[in-house]
């Protein structure tokens, strides 16, 4: 009788524990859903650990095809920080696809219009958006590795057989059967076999544990696909056909997967039922047998898994773009022109808290002059980023944007390669050469950005070489935006480059930058005046101004006394 009461008490405790867990889960889910409605367009706080963005890039690394934003351009434009600003995703699939999207400008307007339909649908249908975001939150992240790292690691397991596990299972069943004939002998046999099975179990389990994470994510992916199919929409008709086809091929993977991955086991909840089931796994090797079966299924259907990750990731990336739009004070959907041109009204930079908007229009290459800190580099980056945004997230930070479909490349924020032993000049000419190589390739027009051409060498050779390089960059299939301090270039290249500049105003000991782009070359030289504002002695300022004035008149430098 006591055993029955104890058993009932234990059962009640387990049920109470499970009930408490369900109530807690439902409460947290309700809070999360309310937050998704109320804080649409508010970027949730995310901590990016060292190396995490490199991990996020692994989907892109696996799917490079055609023109892409290369590492130099990506770093020039600080696109890591831009990505963080628009990363409203909840799953690894969505996060990695959004990164991929920014690095692969689309060259087909039809594809961009498809993206726009998805973005617009979720932006205007909050109930559907929240339902999808809830599913993606349950799909979640993969931990410290990309899902593609885990899939690659599976190759390291080689071929695996279940023979030893079937033998362990068979011997255990035989020992149980023997108990019905000879209890003492059967119990001894059962105990010996259980000890052997437990020892061999942990040896194999330690080997496969790192790989179970990938299976867990694939399992959650299949669950997410099933849940998404309960919320089908016409705008995603093609995507759902592909998801249905790919997920159907994985039935063998899903069947019996609970043997390897129960919810409690994967979350480490400490549920008594899961603890009991763990003992059963140890003795019967059920999860090890299932692991090998699932491994075989994954290897057979790796392309289907990839297609599901891509499709699911793409949908969430479009939802994230809609949330990013909601965070912006102003944006527009770009229009595309057959002509090689850029027109923008009220264009601004995504990383500035209080950006100055600029209007700009050109069908020619552009040379920009002006003093340091006047806004030249920021303007170049603003044009480059908006061009990339137009062809990736189909969203421009402007009142209006119209341009061609471009291959965007830059040489702006370069540094000495200390470890490689290369000077700044060598790094710079390599970066410029790669731009020249892209211009020679067939494809859409090139939109290139160069900040301070050949700043790593002397004035005479810099001006001579820069003139020829910029001339070559302004060819039939390229628009070049270049910033320079060398006013001489504005005269040497005025037949093929439109001249623009940024200016500043100096009042007493203060300097004011307007950050507004102005037609024509810079007419003032304020570098020496800025030394005075920063506190350099009047002796240095006066003599320097006299020397500069004499050089402008005579073309020669006065010898020092």
Protein backbone atom coordinates (compact mmCIF):
# COMPACT_ATOMS: atom_id res chain seq x y z
CA UNK A 1 0.00 0.00 0.00
CA UNK A 2 2.83 2.37 0.91
CA UNK A 3 4.37 1.83 -2.56
CA UNK A 4 1.11 2.78 -4.23
CA UNK A 5 0.78 5.98 -2.14
CA UNK A 6 4.41 6.87 -2.90
CA UNK A 7 3.88 6.26 -6.62
CA UNK A 8 0.74 8.43 -6.63
CA UNK A 9 2.57 11.19 -4.73
CA UNK A 10 5.44 11.13 -7.22
CA UNK A 11 3.00 11.23 -10.13
CA UNK A 12 1.22 14.23 -8.61
CA UNK A 13 4.54 16.03 -8.11
CA UNK A 14 5.52 15.40 -11.72
CA UNK A 15 2.15 16.67 -12.94
CA UNK A 16 2.41 19.79 -10.76
CA UNK A 17 5.92 20.44 -12.07
CA UNK A 18 4.76 20.05 -15.67
CA UNK A 19 1.71 22.29 -15.05
CA UNK A 20 3.95 24.98 -13.55
CA UNK A 21 6.27 24.79 -16.57
CA UNK A 22 3.34 25.12 -19.00
CA UNK A 23 1.90 28.14 -17.13
CA UNK A 24 5.31 29.84 -17.02
CA UNK A 25 5.88 29.21 -20.73
CA UNK A 26 2.45 30.55 -21.72
CA UNK A 27 2.98 33.68 -19.61
CA UNK A 28 6.39 34.46 -21.15
CA UNK A 29 5.02 33.79 -24.63
CA UNK A 30 2.14 36.21 -24.07
CA UNK A 31 4.55 38.93 -22.92
CA UNK A 32 6.75 38.31 -25.97
CA UNK A 33 3.78 38.58 -28.36
CA UNK A 34 2.63 41.86 -26.78
CA UNK A 35 6.16 43.19 -27.20
CA UNK A 36 6.20 42.25 -30.89
CA UNK A 37 3.05 44.30 -31.44
CA UNK A 38 4.00 47.31 -29.33
CA UNK A 39 7.69 47.60 -30.20
CA UNK A 40 7.62 47.11 -33.96
CA UNK A 41 10.58 49.08 -35.29
CA UNK A 42 12.33 49.21 -31.92
CA UNK A 43 15.62 47.31 -32.17
CA UNK A 44 15.89 44.79 -29.33
CA UNK A 45 19.22 44.90 -27.46
CA UNK A 46 21.67 42.32 -28.80
CA UNK A 47 25.15 41.54 -27.61
CA UNK A 48 27.60 40.62 -30.38
CA UNK A 49 30.45 38.62 -28.95
CA UNK A 50 33.92 38.77 -30.54
CA UNK A 51 33.89 36.77 -33.76
CA UNK A 52 30.09 36.48 -33.90
CA UNK A 53 29.70 38.50 -37.09
CA UNK A 54 32.28 36.27 -38.73
CA UNK A 55 30.11 33.27 -37.78
CA UNK A 56 26.99 35.01 -39.14
CA UNK A 57 28.80 35.41 -42.47
CA UNK A 58 29.11 31.67 -43.06
CA UNK A 59 25.85 31.32 -45.00
CA UNK A 60 27.17 34.02 -47.33
CA UNK A 61 30.54 32.25 -47.63
CA UNK A 62 28.71 29.07 -48.69
CA UNK A 63 26.49 30.80 -51.25
CA UNK A 64 28.71 33.26 -53.10
CA UNK A 65 27.49 33.45 -56.67
CA UNK A 66 28.05 36.42 -58.95
CA UNK A 67 29.00 39.93 -57.90
CA UNK A 68 29.32 40.55 -54.17
CA UNK A 69 30.34 43.37 -51.84
CA UNK A 70 33.95 42.47 -51.14
CA UNK A 71 35.70 42.76 -47.78
CA UNK A 72 37.39 46.10 -48.54
CA UNK A 73 34.12 47.75 -49.56
CA UNK A 74 32.28 46.14 -46.64
CA UNK A 75 34.82 47.55 -44.18
CA UNK A 76 35.04 50.93 -45.93
CA UNK A 77 31.30 51.43 -45.45
CA UNK A 78 31.24 50.03 -41.89
CA UNK A 79 28.58 47.57 -42.95
CA UNK A 80 29.02 45.47 -39.81
CA UNK A 81 27.46 48.32 -37.84
CA UNK A 82 24.83 48.91 -40.52
CA UNK A 83 23.87 45.23 -40.33
CA UNK A 84 23.47 45.47 -36.55
CA UNK A 85 21.09 48.41 -37.03
CA UNK A 86 18.71 46.32 -39.14
CA UNK A 87 19.10 42.92 -37.49
CA UNK A 88 15.53 42.46 -36.25
CA UNK A 89 15.72 38.69 -36.76
CA UNK A 90 15.03 36.02 -34.14
CA UNK A 91 16.57 32.98 -35.83
CA UNK A 92 19.99 32.02 -37.13
CA UNK A 93 18.50 31.31 -40.57
CA UNK A 94 17.05 34.84 -40.81
CA UNK A 95 20.14 36.49 -39.35
CA UNK A 96 22.56 34.78 -41.71
CA UNK A 97 20.34 35.40 -44.74
CA UNK A 98 20.02 39.11 -43.90
CA UNK A 99 23.82 39.37 -43.79
CA UNK A 100 24.02 37.50 -47.10
CA UNK A 101 21.43 39.87 -48.58
CA UNK A 102 23.57 42.93 -47.83
CA UNK A 103 26.63 41.38 -49.44
CA UNK A 104 24.91 40.26 -52.65
CA UNK A 105 23.38 43.22 -54.53
CA UNK A 106 20.62 41.96 -56.81
CA UNK A 107 21.00 42.70 -60.52
CA UNK A 108 17.41 41.78 -61.45
CA UNK A 109 14.63 44.30 -60.86
CA UNK A 110 11.99 41.54 -60.97
CA UNK A 111 13.54 39.82 -57.93
CA UNK A 112 13.64 43.12 -56.04
CA UNK A 113 9.94 43.63 -56.74
CA UNK A 114 9.23 40.15 -55.32
CA UNK A 115 11.08 41.12 -52.16
CA UNK A 116 9.05 44.31 -51.96
CA UNK A 117 5.77 42.37 -52.02
CA UNK A 118 6.88 40.24 -49.07
CA UNK A 119 8.19 43.25 -47.12
CA UNK A 120 4.98 45.20 -47.76
CA UNK A 121 2.73 42.26 -46.83
CA UNK A 122 4.23 41.76 -43.37
CA UNK A 123 4.48 45.52 -42.77
CA UNK A 124 0.75 45.91 -43.40
CA UNK A 125 -0.43 42.66 -41.73
CA UNK A 126 0.70 42.79 -38.09
CA UNK A 127 -1.14 39.62 -37.01
CA UNK A 128 0.57 37.51 -39.66
CA UNK A 129 3.91 39.16 -38.92
CA UNK A 130 3.69 38.41 -35.21
CA UNK A 131 2.63 34.80 -35.88
CA UNK A 132 5.70 34.32 -38.08
CA UNK A 133 8.04 36.07 -35.63
CA UNK A 134 6.84 33.79 -32.83
CA UNK A 135 7.68 30.75 -34.96
CA UNK A 136 11.12 32.19 -35.76
CA UNK A 137 11.80 32.86 -32.08
CA UNK A 138 11.23 29.17 -31.38
CA UNK A 139 13.51 28.22 -34.25
CA UNK A 140 16.13 30.37 -32.51
CA UNK A 141 19.90 30.52 -32.90
CA UNK A 142 22.54 27.80 -33.22
CA UNK A 143 24.91 28.85 -30.47
CA UNK A 144 28.56 29.66 -31.06
CA UNK A 145 28.66 28.15 -34.58
CA UNK A 146 26.75 28.66 -37.81
CA UNK A 147 24.44 25.84 -38.87
CA UNK A 148 26.74 25.46 -41.89
CA UNK A 149 29.70 24.86 -39.59
CA UNK A 150 27.78 22.04 -37.93
CA UNK A 151 26.81 20.54 -41.29
CA UNK A 152 30.43 20.67 -42.41
CA UNK A 153 31.55 18.97 -39.19
CA UNK A 154 29.27 16.00 -39.92
CA UNK A 155 31.70 14.92 -42.63
CA UNK A 156 34.28 14.31 -39.91
CA UNK A 157 32.16 11.47 -38.48
CA UNK A 158 32.82 9.21 -41.45
CA UNK A 159 30.67 6.13 -42.04
CA UNK A 160 28.90 4.77 -38.97
CA UNK A 161 27.26 1.42 -38.22
CA UNK A 162 24.53 0.49 -35.73
CA UNK A 163 25.72 -3.11 -35.46
CA UNK A 164 27.32 -2.72 -32.01
CA UNK A 165 24.24 -0.89 -30.69
CA UNK A 166 21.86 -3.52 -32.04
CA UNK A 167 24.04 -6.15 -30.38
CA UNK A 168 23.90 -4.27 -27.04
CA UNK A 169 20.13 -3.99 -27.36
CA UNK A 170 19.75 -7.67 -28.30
CA UNK A 171 21.85 -8.86 -25.33
CA UNK A 172 19.84 -6.73 -22.93
CA UNK A 173 16.56 -8.13 -24.23
CA UNK A 174 17.97 -11.69 -23.90
CA UNK A 175 18.98 -11.04 -20.27
CA UNK A 176 15.45 -9.82 -19.48
CA UNK A 177 14.01 -12.94 -21.10
CA UNK A 178 16.36 -15.14 -19.04
CA UNK A 179 14.86 -13.64 -15.84
CA UNK A 180 11.61 -15.44 -16.59
CA UNK A 181 13.52 -18.74 -16.56
CA UNK A 182 16.25 -18.13 -13.96
CA UNK A 183 15.85 -14.90 -12.00
CA UNK A 184 19.28 -14.81 -10.27
CA UNK A 185 21.19 -15.64 -13.43
CA UNK A 186 19.07 -13.22 -15.45
CA UNK A 187 19.62 -10.38 -12.96
CA UNK A 188 23.38 -10.91 -12.96
CA UNK A 189 23.45 -11.00 -16.76
CA UNK A 190 21.23 -7.92 -16.92
CA UNK A 191 23.51 -6.03 -14.49
CA UNK A 192 26.72 -6.91 -16.36
CA UNK A 193 25.23 -5.99 -19.73
CA UNK A 194 23.82 -2.68 -18.34
CA UNK A 195 27.27 -1.75 -16.99
CA UNK A 196 28.87 -2.55 -20.35
CA UNK A 197 26.16 -0.67 -22.23
CA UNK A 198 26.52 2.39 -19.98
CA UNK A 199 30.31 2.53 -20.39
CA UNK A 200 30.15 2.10 -24.16
CA UNK A 201 27.21 4.55 -24.30
CA UNK A 202 29.15 7.45 -22.78
CA UNK A 203 32.15 6.77 -24.99
CA UNK A 204 30.04 7.17 -28.13
CA UNK A 205 27.81 9.91 -26.69
CA UNK A 206 30.78 12.17 -25.95
CA UNK A 207 31.83 11.72 -29.56
CA UNK A 208 28.47 12.68 -31.06
CA UNK A 209 27.29 15.31 -28.55
CA UNK A 210 28.73 18.27 -30.50
CA UNK A 211 26.80 17.13 -33.57
CA UNK A 212 23.43 16.78 -31.84
CA UNK A 213 23.13 20.58 -31.86
CA UNK A 214 22.95 20.54 -35.66
CA UNK A 215 20.28 17.83 -35.58
CA UNK A 216 18.35 19.82 -32.99
CA UNK A 217 18.38 22.87 -35.27
CA UNK A 218 17.29 20.82 -38.30
CA UNK A 219 14.49 19.34 -36.21
CA UNK A 220 13.41 22.84 -35.11
CA UNK A 221 13.68 23.95 -38.73
CA UNK A 222 11.27 21.21 -39.81
CA UNK A 223 8.93 22.16 -36.97
CA UNK A 224 9.12 25.81 -38.06
CA UNK A 225 8.31 24.85 -41.65
CA UNK A 226 5.27 22.89 -40.47
CA UNK A 227 4.10 25.80 -38.32
CA UNK A 228 4.65 28.30 -41.13
CA UNK A 229 2.51 26.17 -43.42
CA UNK A 230 -0.37 26.74 -41.01
CA UNK A 231 -0.12 30.45 -41.92
CA UNK A 232 0.14 30.28 -45.70
CA UNK A 233 -0.18 33.51 -47.66
CA UNK A 234 -0.52 34.06 -51.38
CA UNK A 235 2.52 36.32 -51.46
CA UNK A 236 4.66 33.33 -50.39
CA UNK A 237 3.06 30.75 -52.67
CA UNK A 238 6.31 29.78 -54.43
CA UNK A 239 8.22 29.60 -51.16
CA UNK A 240 5.67 27.27 -49.57
CA UNK A 241 5.70 24.89 -52.54
CA UNK A 242 9.45 24.54 -52.14
CA UNK A 243 9.23 24.15 -48.35
CA UNK A 244 6.59 21.42 -48.68
CA UNK A 245 8.69 19.49 -51.19
CA UNK A 246 11.89 19.73 -49.14
CA UNK A 247 10.33 18.97 -45.75
CA UNK A 248 8.49 15.91 -47.14
CA UNK A 249 11.82 14.38 -48.08
CA UNK A 250 12.89 14.52 -44.41
CA UNK A 251 10.20 12.24 -42.97
CA UNK A 252 12.80 9.60 -42.20
CA UNK A 253 14.74 12.15 -40.16
CA UNK A 254 11.69 13.19 -38.12
CA UNK A 255 10.34 9.71 -37.35
CA UNK A 256 11.42 8.65 -33.87
CA UNK A 257 13.57 11.78 -33.40
CA UNK A 258 12.28 12.08 -29.80
CA UNK A 259 14.61 9.20 -28.96
CA UNK A 260 17.54 11.57 -29.50
CA UNK A 261 16.02 14.96 -28.78
CA UNK A 262 13.28 15.45 -26.25
CA UNK A 263 12.46 19.04 -25.34
CA UNK A 264 13.63 18.53 -21.78
CA UNK A 265 16.90 16.96 -22.81
CA UNK A 266 17.78 19.75 -25.22
CA UNK A 267 16.86 22.46 -22.72
CA UNK A 268 18.31 20.76 -19.63
CA UNK A 269 15.09 21.36 -17.69
CA UNK A 270 15.62 18.52 -15.18
CA UNK A 271 12.14 17.08 -15.78
CA UNK A 272 11.91 13.74 -13.85
CA UNK A 273 10.44 12.01 -16.88
CA UNK A 274 13.38 13.10 -18.99
CA UNK A 275 15.82 11.91 -16.34
CA UNK A 276 14.10 8.51 -16.34
CA UNK A 277 14.20 8.40 -20.13
CA UNK A 278 17.95 9.16 -20.00
CA UNK A 279 18.53 5.96 -18.03
CA UNK A 280 16.59 4.02 -20.66
CA UNK A 281 18.73 5.59 -23.40
CA UNK A 282 21.94 4.58 -21.60
CA UNK A 283 20.93 0.96 -21.32
CA UNK A 284 19.29 0.43 -24.69
CA UNK A 285 21.38 2.83 -26.85
CA UNK A 286 18.16 4.01 -28.51
CA UNK A 287 19.43 7.55 -29.11
CA UNK A 288 22.74 6.31 -30.54
CA UNK A 289 20.90 4.12 -33.01
CA UNK A 290 18.64 7.02 -33.97
CA UNK A 291 21.62 9.37 -34.31
CA UNK A 292 23.18 7.19 -37.00
CA UNK A 293 19.88 6.93 -38.83
CA UNK A 294 19.42 10.71 -38.72
CA UNK A 295 22.99 11.24 -39.85
CA UNK A 296 22.31 9.10 -42.90
CA UNK A 297 19.14 11.11 -43.68
CA UNK A 298 20.95 14.44 -43.34
CA UNK A 299 23.69 13.35 -45.70
CA UNK A 300 21.14 12.20 -48.29
CA UNK A 301 19.10 15.40 -48.12
CA UNK A 302 21.70 18.11 -47.52
CA UNK A 303 20.43 20.13 -50.53
CA UNK A 304 16.86 20.03 -49.18
CA UNK A 305 18.08 21.27 -45.79
CA UNK A 306 19.97 24.07 -47.51
CA UNK A 307 16.87 25.06 -49.51
CA UNK A 308 14.74 25.15 -46.35
CA UNK A 309 17.30 27.28 -44.48
CA UNK A 310 17.50 29.63 -47.45
CA UNK A 311 13.74 29.97 -47.89
CA UNK A 312 12.93 30.29 -44.20
CA UNK A 313 15.82 32.74 -43.78
CA UNK A 314 14.70 34.85 -46.73
CA UNK A 315 11.18 35.24 -45.33
CA UNK A 316 12.43 36.37 -41.94
CA UNK A 317 14.96 38.72 -43.52
CA UNK A 318 12.09 40.45 -45.36
CA UNK A 319 10.19 40.77 -42.06
CA UNK A 320 13.33 42.33 -40.52
CA UNK A 321 13.56 44.83 -43.38
CA UNK A 322 9.98 45.90 -42.67
CA UNK A 323 10.87 46.42 -39.00
CA UNK A 324 13.96 48.41 -40.03
CA UNK A 325 11.77 50.63 -42.20
CA UNK A 326 9.48 51.24 -39.22
CA UNK A 327 12.52 52.47 -37.26
CA UNK A 328 13.41 55.13 -39.85
CA UNK A 329 12.24 58.72 -39.80
CA UNK A 330 12.19 58.72 -43.60
CA UNK A 331 12.75 56.17 -46.35
CA UNK A 332 11.66 55.47 -49.91
CA UNK A 333 11.34 52.52 -52.24
CA UNK A 334 13.93 52.96 -55.02
CA UNK A 335 13.17 53.33 -58.70
CA UNK A 336 15.57 51.95 -61.29
CA UNK A 337 16.71 53.61 -64.47
CA UNK A 338 18.05 52.16 -67.70
CA UNK A 339 20.45 55.09 -67.84
CA UNK A 340 23.71 55.12 -65.87
CA UNK A 341 22.75 57.78 -63.33
CA UNK A 342 21.96 58.55 -59.71
CA UNK A 343 19.26 60.91 -58.51
CA UNK A 344 18.49 61.31 -54.82
CA UNK A 345 16.47 63.80 -52.80
CA UNK A 346 16.88 64.10 -49.03
CA UNK A 347 19.49 61.32 -48.90
CA UNK A 348 21.19 60.57 -45.56
CA UNK A 349 23.57 58.17 -43.80
CA UNK A 350 22.09 55.31 -41.70
CA UNK A 351 24.59 55.49 -38.81
CA UNK A 352 24.29 59.21 -38.00
CA UNK A 353 21.92 60.25 -35.22
CA UNK A 354 21.25 63.71 -36.68
CA UNK A 355 22.19 63.39 -40.36
CA UNK A 356 22.22 66.30 -42.79
CA UNK A 357 20.21 65.38 -45.87
CA UNK A 358 21.51 66.10 -49.36
CA UNK A 359 19.98 66.33 -52.80
CA UNK A 360 22.13 65.05 -55.60
CA UNK A 361 21.87 64.14 -59.27
CA UNK A 362 24.49 63.08 -61.82
CA UNK A 363 25.04 61.11 -65.00
CA UNK A 364 28.79 61.74 -64.90
CA UNK A 365 31.65 60.85 -62.63
CA UNK A 366 32.08 63.21 -59.68
CA UNK A 367 35.10 64.85 -58.06
CA UNK A 368 34.55 66.27 -54.57
CA UNK A 369 36.85 68.76 -52.84
CA UNK A 370 36.78 70.49 -49.47
CA UNK A 371 38.67 70.61 -46.18
CA UNK A 372 39.03 67.77 -43.69
CA UNK A 373 35.89 66.97 -41.66
CA UNK A 374 33.72 68.94 -44.09
CA UNK A 375 31.68 65.88 -45.12
CA UNK A 376 33.37 64.47 -48.25
CA UNK A 377 33.91 60.92 -46.99
CA UNK A 378 30.51 60.73 -45.31
CA UNK A 379 28.83 61.79 -48.55
CA UNK A 380 30.67 59.13 -50.54
CA UNK A 381 29.58 56.50 -48.02
CA UNK A 382 26.00 57.81 -48.06
CA UNK A 383 25.74 57.40 -51.83
CA UNK A 384 27.41 53.97 -51.73
CA UNK A 385 25.20 52.64 -48.92
CA UNK A 386 21.99 53.85 -50.52
CA UNK A 387 22.95 52.28 -53.81
CA UNK A 388 23.60 48.96 -52.02
CA UNK A 389 20.37 49.29 -50.01
CA UNK A 390 18.41 49.85 -53.23
CA UNK A 391 19.61 46.52 -54.63
CA UNK A 392 19.44 44.49 -51.41
CA UNK A 393 16.73 45.56 -48.96
CA UNK A 394 14.89 47.62 -51.63
CA UNK A 395 14.89 50.56 -49.23
CA UNK A 396 16.72 53.87 -49.51
CA UNK A 397 17.30 56.42 -46.78
CA UNK A 398 16.00 59.33 -48.82
CA UNK A 399 12.83 61.10 -49.89
CA UNK A 400 13.42 59.82 -53.40
CA UNK A 401 16.03 57.64 -55.08
CA UNK A 402 16.47 56.71 -58.73
CA UNK A 403 19.53 54.97 -60.14
CA UNK A 404 20.91 52.23 -62.28
CA UNK A 405 21.60 48.71 -61.09
CA UNK A 406 25.28 48.90 -60.15
CA UNK A 407 28.23 46.79 -59.06
CA UNK A 408 29.45 48.82 -56.07
CA UNK A 409 33.11 48.84 -55.03
CA UNK A 410 35.28 51.25 -53.05
CA UNK A 411 38.76 52.20 -51.84
CA UNK A 412 38.34 54.51 -48.87
CA UNK A 413 39.38 53.50 -45.35
CA UNK A 414 42.62 51.63 -46.03
CA UNK A 415 45.44 50.97 -43.56
CA UNK A 416 49.03 49.80 -43.62
CA UNK A 417 49.32 46.00 -43.65
CA UNK A 418 51.78 45.71 -40.77
CA UNK A 419 51.63 41.92 -40.52
CA UNK A 420 51.91 41.50 -44.27
CA UNK A 421 54.77 43.96 -44.42
CA UNK A 422 53.11 46.26 -46.97
CA UNK A 423 53.13 50.05 -46.83
CA UNK A 424 49.98 52.12 -47.10
CA UNK A 425 50.86 52.94 -50.71
CA UNK A 426 51.11 49.25 -51.68
CA UNK A 427 47.80 48.48 -49.96
CA UNK A 428 46.21 51.41 -51.77
CA UNK A 429 47.38 50.55 -55.27
CA UNK A 430 46.23 46.95 -54.80
CA UNK A 431 42.79 48.23 -53.80
CA UNK A 432 42.67 50.54 -56.83
CA UNK A 433 43.83 47.76 -59.18
CA UNK A 434 40.95 45.52 -58.08
CA UNK A 435 38.52 48.32 -59.02
CA UNK A 436 40.11 48.56 -62.47
CA UNK A 437 39.76 44.79 -62.86
CA UNK A 438 36.04 44.87 -62.00
CA UNK A 439 35.47 47.68 -64.52
CA UNK A 440 37.00 45.49 -67.25
CA UNK A 441 34.65 42.59 -66.48
CA UNK A 442 31.34 42.26 -68.29
CA UNK A 443 28.21 43.04 -66.32
CA UNK A 444 26.15 45.88 -64.91
CA UNK A 445 27.75 49.34 -64.67
CA UNK A 446 30.29 49.86 -61.88
CA UNK A 447 29.74 52.49 -59.21
CA UNK A 448 33.10 53.09 -57.52
CA UNK A 449 34.16 55.33 -54.64
CA UNK A 450 37.71 56.52 -53.99
CA UNK A 451 38.71 58.71 -51.07
CA UNK A 452 41.98 60.63 -51.49
CA UNK A 453 43.54 58.90 -54.47
CA UNK A 454 47.14 57.77 -53.85
CA UNK A 455 47.50 59.71 -50.61
CA UNK A 456 50.44 57.46 -49.75
CA UNK A 457 52.90 59.09 -52.17
CA UNK A 458 54.44 62.48 -53.04
CA UNK A 459 52.43 65.37 -54.50
CA UNK A 460 53.83 65.44 -58.05
CA UNK A 461 53.53 61.72 -58.72
CA UNK A 462 50.19 61.57 -56.89
CA UNK A 463 48.59 64.17 -59.14
CA UNK A 464 50.05 62.70 -62.33
CA UNK A 465 49.06 59.10 -61.50
CA UNK A 466 45.68 60.07 -59.98
CA UNK A 467 44.74 61.94 -63.16
CA UNK A 468 45.30 58.85 -65.29
CA UNK A 469 43.67 56.42 -62.85
CA UNK A 470 40.55 58.56 -62.43
CA UNK A 471 40.37 59.06 -66.18
CA UNK A 472 40.34 55.28 -66.69
CA UNK A 473 37.71 54.89 -63.96
CA UNK A 474 35.37 57.25 -65.77
CA UNK A 475 34.67 55.03 -68.74
CA UNK A 476 31.50 53.98 -70.51
CA UNK A 477 30.38 51.44 -67.90
CA UNK A 478 31.49 53.20 -64.71
CA UNK A 479 30.49 56.13 -62.53
CA UNK A 480 33.32 57.16 -60.21
CA UNK A 481 32.90 59.27 -57.07
CA UNK A 482 36.26 60.54 -55.83
CA UNK A 483 37.20 62.89 -52.99
CA UNK A 484 40.48 64.79 -53.06
CA UNK A 485 42.41 67.67 -51.51
CA UNK A 486 44.28 68.19 -54.78
CA UNK A 487 42.52 71.13 -56.47
CA UNK A 488 44.77 70.52 -59.49
CA UNK A 489 42.71 67.42 -60.30
CA UNK A 490 39.53 69.48 -60.64
CA UNK A 491 41.15 71.32 -63.57
CA UNK A 492 42.91 68.36 -65.15
CA UNK A 493 39.72 66.24 -65.12
CA UNK A 494 37.04 68.90 -65.59
CA UNK A 495 36.11 67.59 -69.06
CA UNK A 496 35.06 64.20 -67.69
CA UNK A 497 34.28 64.79 -63.97
CA UNK A 498 31.62 67.07 -62.51
CA UNK A 499 33.06 69.18 -59.69
CA UNK A 500 31.37 69.46 -56.29
CA UNK A 501 32.61 70.55 -52.91
CA UNK A 502 31.84 70.92 -49.22
CA UNK A 503 32.58 74.14 -47.40
CA UNK A 504 32.82 75.52 -43.88
CA UNK A 505 32.44 78.87 -42.22
CA UNK A 506 34.99 80.32 -39.83
CA UNK A 507 33.80 82.91 -37.33
CA UNK A 508 36.43 84.08 -34.88
CA UNK A 509 37.82 80.97 -33.23
CA UNK A 510 34.95 78.70 -34.27
CA UNK A 511 34.41 76.61 -37.37
CA UNK A 512 31.00 75.57 -38.70
CA UNK A 513 30.45 72.80 -41.24
CA UNK A 514 27.24 72.83 -43.28
CA UNK A 515 27.69 69.27 -44.63
CA UNK A 516 25.74 70.36 -47.71
CA UNK A 517 27.16 69.45 -51.10
CA UNK A 518 27.68 72.41 -53.43
CA UNK A 519 28.27 72.48 -57.18
CA UNK A 520 31.75 73.53 -58.33
CA UNK A 521 35.28 73.12 -56.96
CA UNK A 522 36.32 74.32 -53.51
CA UNK A 523 37.41 77.95 -53.64
CA UNK A 524 38.97 78.30 -50.19
CA UNK A 525 41.98 76.76 -48.44
CA UNK A 526 41.36 76.71 -44.71
CA UNK A 527 43.81 74.09 -43.45
CA UNK A 528 46.23 76.70 -42.06
CA UNK A 529 43.38 78.69 -40.46
CA UNK A 530 42.22 75.53 -38.74
CA UNK A 531 45.66 75.25 -37.10
CA UNK A 532 45.03 78.62 -35.50
CA UNK A 533 41.59 77.60 -34.25
CA UNK A 534 43.16 74.55 -32.64
CA UNK A 535 45.64 76.70 -30.72
CA UNK A 536 48.86 76.70 -32.78
CA UNK A 537 51.02 79.82 -32.36
CA UNK A 538 50.46 82.87 -34.58
CA UNK A 539 54.10 82.67 -35.68
CA UNK A 540 53.51 79.27 -37.27
CA UNK A 541 50.22 80.41 -38.82
CA UNK A 542 51.51 83.68 -40.29
CA UNK A 543 54.67 82.21 -41.81
CA UNK A 544 52.79 79.23 -43.23
CA UNK A 545 50.20 81.49 -44.87
CA UNK A 546 52.95 83.65 -46.37
CA UNK A 547 54.74 80.58 -47.76
CA UNK A 548 51.51 79.21 -49.26
CA UNK A 549 50.62 82.57 -50.80
CA UNK A 550 54.06 82.92 -52.41
CA UNK A 551 53.86 79.40 -53.86
CA UNK A 552 50.44 80.07 -55.42
CA UNK A 553 51.86 83.20 -57.11
CA UNK A 554 55.25 81.89 -58.24
CA UNK A 555 54.88 78.10 -58.38
CA UNK A 556 58.05 77.66 -56.30
CA UNK A 557 58.64 77.25 -52.55
CA UNK A 558 60.60 79.92 -50.66
CA UNK A 559 63.69 78.58 -48.91
CA UNK A 560 63.68 78.65 -45.11
CA UNK A 561 65.79 81.34 -43.42
